[in-house]
């Protein structure tokens, strides 16, 4: 099979444990693009948080894409065209806010380079800000000061307690929106039907490709749908157990250039 589309999660996949892309992985991904392979950076991050990696991989020079907010937006990074966008139902946002308040968790959303929150010093808010190279910005009243519509909210907090809230909110909201954790301490709140696989199906239709021509590589819970959907679903060695169990192939870890190894084996056809 000649693979034409390479879909890559960022954190724990393209980036190593220092949140950096090694020179080797960068060089291999640029070589793949030179050979005509289209790359999709598919992440729960807001678009602003993906841009530095997109620029390092020179996506603007080739026909490659950013899929942000777990699939809420798809952007052609060469032309800047917004190819797909879906926003949260505004009516449900007060409920999300109340869930965060009653459980003493921070809720956040995004505005340009800022992470908007009532709790800018919260340790998990700071994790999200650092991860995306964004700045926390304090708002006095989340509901009054956010700019609608928004692509997603994130409730952050201690993993065990957050797991309990996830169950409660999923039961309440499963017919209205997506509720899932991308990390044990990050609870993603996105429009109904939004996940990486669903949005990738839209992109494949637009590009005239099939899922059999796609490789998807990831490590986390929110990568599971695209790994199961892709013609070749690849889990990192450092992936969550359920992700590895559902993958067609397990590559090296993110600290061992696992993405580069996949590209060399299945796209550049270099010997092991």
Protein backbone atom coordinates (compact mmCIF):
# COMPACT_ATOMS: atom_id res chain seq x y z
CA UNK A 1 0.00 0.00 0.00
CA UNK A 2 1.26 3.47 -0.90
CA UNK A 3 0.38 5.74 1.99
CA UNK A 4 -0.48 9.32 1.05
CA UNK A 5 -1.61 10.88 4.33
CA UNK A 6 0.30 10.80 7.62
CA UNK A 7 -1.67 11.87 10.69
CA UNK A 8 0.33 12.66 13.81
CA UNK A 9 -0.66 13.43 17.36
CA UNK A 10 1.73 15.88 19.00
CA UNK A 11 2.28 15.39 22.72
CA UNK A 12 3.80 12.02 23.49
CA UNK A 13 4.06 11.29 19.77
CA UNK A 14 5.86 13.82 17.56
CA UNK A 15 7.38 15.58 20.57
CA UNK A 16 9.63 13.86 23.10
CA UNK A 17 9.32 14.06 26.87
CA UNK A 18 10.91 17.53 26.73
CA UNK A 19 8.07 18.61 24.38
CA UNK A 20 10.60 19.01 21.58
CA UNK A 21 10.94 17.60 18.06
CA UNK A 22 14.34 16.06 17.47
CA UNK A 23 16.30 17.04 14.39
CA UNK A 24 16.06 13.47 13.11
CA UNK A 25 12.27 13.35 13.32
CA UNK A 26 12.02 16.79 11.72
CA UNK A 27 14.30 15.81 8.83
CA UNK A 28 12.40 12.58 8.17
CA UNK A 29 9.02 14.34 8.16
CA UNK A 30 10.25 17.02 5.78
CA UNK A 31 11.63 14.31 3.47
CA UNK A 32 8.23 12.58 3.47
CA UNK A 33 6.56 15.84 2.45
CA UNK A 34 9.10 16.35 -0.32
CA UNK A 35 8.04 12.95 -1.64
CA UNK A 36 4.41 14.07 -1.81
CA UNK A 37 3.04 12.72 1.47
CA UNK A 38 0.58 15.09 3.15
CA UNK A 39 0.94 15.52 6.90
CA UNK A 40 -1.85 16.29 9.36
CA UNK A 41 -0.95 17.48 12.85
CA UNK A 42 -3.97 16.26 14.83
CA UNK A 43 -4.16 17.48 18.40
CA UNK A 44 -6.44 18.54 21.19
CA UNK A 45 -4.39 21.71 21.35
CA UNK A 46 -5.86 25.00 20.12
CA UNK A 47 -4.54 26.08 16.73
CA UNK A 48 -2.20 28.65 18.31
CA UNK A 49 -0.48 25.88 20.26
CA UNK A 50 0.16 23.80 17.11
CA UNK A 51 1.64 26.59 14.98
CA UNK A 52 5.24 26.42 16.32
CA UNK A 53 5.45 22.71 15.44
CA UNK A 54 3.78 23.24 12.06
CA UNK A 55 6.34 25.91 11.26
CA UNK A 56 9.27 23.77 12.37
CA UNK A 57 8.05 20.99 10.08
CA UNK A 58 7.60 23.50 7.21
CA UNK A 59 3.96 22.55 6.67
CA UNK A 60 3.39 25.91 4.99
CA UNK A 61 5.66 24.86 2.10
CA UNK A 62 3.75 21.68 1.34
CA UNK A 63 0.14 20.53 1.11
CA UNK A 64 -0.28 19.72 4.78
CA UNK A 65 -2.87 20.43 7.46
CA UNK A 66 -3.59 21.34 11.07
CA UNK A 67 -6.44 19.54 12.83
CA UNK A 68 -6.93 21.34 16.15
CA UNK A 69 -9.34 21.09 19.10
CA UNK A 70 -9.48 17.28 18.65
CA UNK A 71 -11.00 17.82 15.21
CA UNK A 72 -13.08 20.94 15.78
CA UNK A 73 -11.09 22.79 13.13
CA UNK A 74 -9.18 21.73 10.01
CA UNK A 75 -6.91 24.29 8.34
CA UNK A 76 -4.97 23.98 5.10
CA UNK A 77 -1.68 25.32 6.42
CA UNK A 78 -0.31 26.20 2.99
CA UNK A 79 -3.24 28.42 2.00
CA UNK A 80 -4.62 29.29 5.44
CA UNK A 81 -8.08 28.12 4.38
CA UNK A 82 -10.42 27.01 7.16
CA UNK A 83 -11.72 23.75 5.67
CA UNK A 84 -13.92 22.65 8.56
CA UNK A 85 -15.09 24.18 11.82
CA UNK A 86 -17.57 23.18 14.50
CA UNK A 87 -18.33 25.12 17.67
CA UNK A 88 -19.76 24.26 21.08
CA UNK A 89 -23.49 24.70 21.65
CA UNK A 90 -23.61 27.95 23.62
CA UNK A 91 -26.55 26.75 25.71
CA UNK A 92 -24.48 24.04 27.38
CA UNK A 93 -21.59 26.24 28.51
CA UNK A 94 -23.24 27.41 31.79
CA UNK A 95 -23.63 23.74 32.80
CA UNK A 96 -19.94 23.09 32.11
CA UNK A 97 -19.05 26.07 34.25
CA UNK A 98 -21.24 24.94 37.12
CA UNK A 99 -19.71 21.45 37.03
CA UNK A 100 -16.25 22.94 37.37
CA UNK A 101 -17.30 25.27 40.19
CA UNK A 102 -19.06 22.68 42.33
CA UNK A 103 -16.07 20.35 42.08
CA UNK A 104 -13.47 23.09 42.66
CA UNK A 105 -11.85 22.51 39.28
CA UNK A 106 -10.61 25.16 36.88
CA UNK A 107 -12.34 25.54 33.51
CA UNK A 108 -10.56 27.16 30.59
CA UNK A 109 -11.02 28.15 26.98
CA UNK A 110 -8.83 30.00 24.48
CA UNK A 111 -8.52 33.43 22.87
CA UNK A 112 -5.59 33.92 20.51
CA UNK A 113 -2.42 33.46 22.54
CA UNK A 114 -4.28 33.36 25.86
CA UNK A 115 -5.70 30.61 28.05
CA UNK A 116 -8.75 32.21 29.67
CA UNK A 117 -9.58 31.12 33.22
CA UNK A 118 -10.61 32.32 36.64
CA UNK A 119 -7.68 30.34 38.09
CA UNK A 120 -4.46 31.35 36.26
CA UNK A 121 -2.22 29.95 39.01
CA UNK A 122 -3.77 26.46 39.06
CA UNK A 123 -1.04 23.85 38.44
CA UNK A 124 -3.00 22.12 35.70
CA UNK A 125 -3.92 25.39 33.99
CA UNK A 126 -0.21 26.19 33.94
CA UNK A 127 0.49 22.77 32.39
CA UNK A 128 -1.90 23.57 29.54
CA UNK A 129 -0.46 27.06 29.06
CA UNK A 130 3.14 25.82 28.97
CA UNK A 131 2.22 22.95 26.66
CA UNK A 132 0.75 25.35 24.10
CA UNK A 133 3.29 28.16 24.64
CA UNK A 134 0.38 30.38 25.68
CA UNK A 135 -0.18 32.77 28.58
CA UNK A 136 -2.83 32.30 31.28
CA UNK A 137 -5.18 35.28 31.40
CA UNK A 138 -7.38 35.81 34.44
CA UNK A 139 -11.06 36.58 33.91
CA UNK A 140 -13.27 37.56 36.83
CA UNK A 141 -16.34 35.80 35.47
CA UNK A 142 -15.76 33.04 32.92
CA UNK A 143 -19.31 33.07 31.51
CA UNK A 144 -19.42 36.84 31.03
CA UNK A 145 -15.94 37.38 29.62
CA UNK A 146 -15.41 34.58 27.10
CA UNK A 147 -16.05 35.42 23.44
CA UNK A 148 -18.69 33.16 21.91
CA UNK A 149 -18.76 30.94 19.94
CA UNK A 150 -15.87 28.76 21.17
CA UNK A 151 -14.45 25.50 19.86
CA UNK A 152 -13.93 23.76 23.20
CA UNK A 153 -13.59 24.06 26.96
CA UNK A 154 -11.22 22.13 29.18
CA UNK A 155 -11.79 21.24 32.83
CA UNK A 156 -8.53 20.45 34.57
CA UNK A 157 -7.74 18.85 37.91
CA UNK A 158 -6.56 15.92 40.00
CA UNK A 159 -6.92 12.77 37.86
CA UNK A 160 -8.91 10.51 40.20
CA UNK A 161 -11.50 13.15 41.02
CA UNK A 162 -11.63 14.26 37.40
CA UNK A 163 -12.38 10.67 36.34
CA UNK A 164 -15.49 10.74 38.53
CA UNK A 165 -16.62 14.03 37.03
CA UNK A 166 -16.05 12.63 33.54
CA UNK A 167 -18.52 9.81 34.24
CA UNK A 168 -21.11 12.21 35.60
CA UNK A 169 -20.79 14.69 32.75
CA UNK A 170 -20.69 12.01 30.06
CA UNK A 171 -23.96 10.53 31.35
CA UNK A 172 -25.57 13.97 31.35
CA UNK A 173 -24.16 15.26 28.05
CA UNK A 174 -23.56 12.24 25.81
CA UNK A 175 -26.42 13.22 23.49
CA UNK A 176 -25.30 16.86 23.31
CA UNK A 177 -21.49 16.95 23.13
CA UNK A 178 -18.23 15.04 23.51
CA UNK A 179 -16.76 14.49 26.98
CA UNK A 180 -13.45 12.64 27.31
CA UNK A 181 -9.97 12.95 28.80
CA UNK A 182 -6.95 13.60 26.59
CA UNK A 183 -4.70 13.31 29.63
CA UNK A 184 -5.63 12.01 33.08
CA UNK A 185 -5.83 15.63 34.30
CA UNK A 186 -7.46 17.20 31.18
CA UNK A 187 -11.20 16.73 30.53
CA UNK A 188 -12.04 17.75 26.96
CA UNK A 189 -15.46 19.28 26.29
CA UNK A 190 -16.09 19.49 22.54
CA UNK A 191 -19.01 19.67 20.07
CA UNK A 192 -21.04 16.51 19.54
CA UNK A 193 -19.56 14.13 17.00
CA UNK A 194 -16.13 15.71 17.16
CA UNK A 195 -13.22 13.35 17.40
CA UNK A 196 -10.12 12.92 15.30
CA UNK A 197 -11.53 10.10 13.17
CA UNK A 198 -14.73 11.96 12.32
CA UNK A 199 -12.86 15.07 11.21
CA UNK A 200 -10.31 13.03 9.27
CA UNK A 201 -13.15 11.42 7.33
CA UNK A 202 -14.18 14.93 6.24
CA UNK A 203 -10.62 15.71 5.16
CA UNK A 204 -10.24 12.43 3.27
CA UNK A 205 -13.42 13.17 1.31
CA UNK A 206 -12.09 16.63 0.48
CA UNK A 207 -8.76 15.18 -0.70
CA UNK A 208 -10.30 12.28 -2.62
CA UNK A 209 -8.44 9.71 -0.52
CA UNK A 210 -9.51 6.61 1.39
CA UNK A 211 -8.70 5.70 4.96
CA UNK A 212 -6.61 2.80 3.62
CA UNK A 213 -4.16 5.39 2.30
CA UNK A 214 -3.75 6.93 5.76
CA UNK A 215 -1.36 6.23 8.63
CA UNK A 216 -2.37 7.58 12.05
CA UNK A 217 0.10 7.68 14.93
CA UNK A 218 -0.70 8.50 18.55
CA UNK A 219 -0.38 7.64 22.21
CA UNK A 220 -3.42 8.89 24.13
CA UNK A 221 -7.11 8.21 24.72
CA UNK A 222 -8.14 10.85 22.20
CA UNK A 223 -6.02 9.17 19.49
CA UNK A 224 -7.87 5.88 19.77
CA UNK A 225 -10.59 6.71 17.23
CA UNK A 226 -8.16 7.69 14.47
CA UNK A 227 -5.86 4.72 15.15
CA UNK A 228 -8.78 2.32 14.80
CA UNK A 229 -10.04 4.20 11.72
CA UNK A 230 -6.79 4.48 9.73
CA UNK A 231 -5.54 2.00 7.16
CA UNK A 232 -2.49 1.67 9.40
CA UNK A 233 -3.04 2.60 13.03
CA UNK A 234 0.21 3.03 14.95
CA UNK A 235 0.69 3.31 18.71
CA UNK A 236 3.80 4.70 20.33
CA UNK A 237 5.61 2.39 22.73
CA UNK A 238 4.73 4.92 25.45
CA UNK A 239 1.01 4.87 24.52
CA UNK A 240 -1.83 4.09 26.90
CA UNK A 241 -2.52 0.35 27.14
CA UNK A 242 -5.86 0.58 25.32
CA UNK A 243 -4.21 2.43 22.43
CA UNK A 244 -1.51 -0.21 22.00
CA UNK A 245 -4.13 -2.96 22.18
CA UNK A 246 -6.06 -1.42 19.25
CA UNK A 247 -3.10 -0.55 17.03
CA UNK A 248 -1.96 -2.40 13.92
CA UNK A 249 1.66 -1.64 14.72
CA UNK A 250 3.63 -0.43 17.75
CA UNK A 251 6.62 1.79 17.09
CA UNK A 252 9.41 3.06 19.32
CA UNK A 253 8.69 5.58 22.07
CA UNK A 254 8.55 9.34 21.62
CA UNK A 255 12.02 9.55 23.20
CA UNK A 256 13.37 7.14 20.58
CA UNK A 257 12.14 8.92 17.42
CA UNK A 258 9.23 6.52 17.09
CA UNK A 259 7.48 8.67 14.48
CA UNK A 260 10.61 8.80 12.32
CA UNK A 261 10.85 5.00 12.54
CA UNK A 262 7.28 4.64 11.22
CA UNK A 263 7.92 7.00 8.31
CA UNK A 264 11.17 5.29 7.39
CA UNK A 265 9.57 1.84 7.45
CA UNK A 266 6.20 2.46 5.79
CA UNK A 267 6.70 5.60 3.65
CA UNK A 268 10.38 6.02 2.81
CA UNK A 269 10.80 2.22 2.66
CA UNK A 270 14.16 2.25 4.35
CA UNK A 271 15.48 -1.05 5.68
CA UNK A 272 15.26 -1.63 9.42
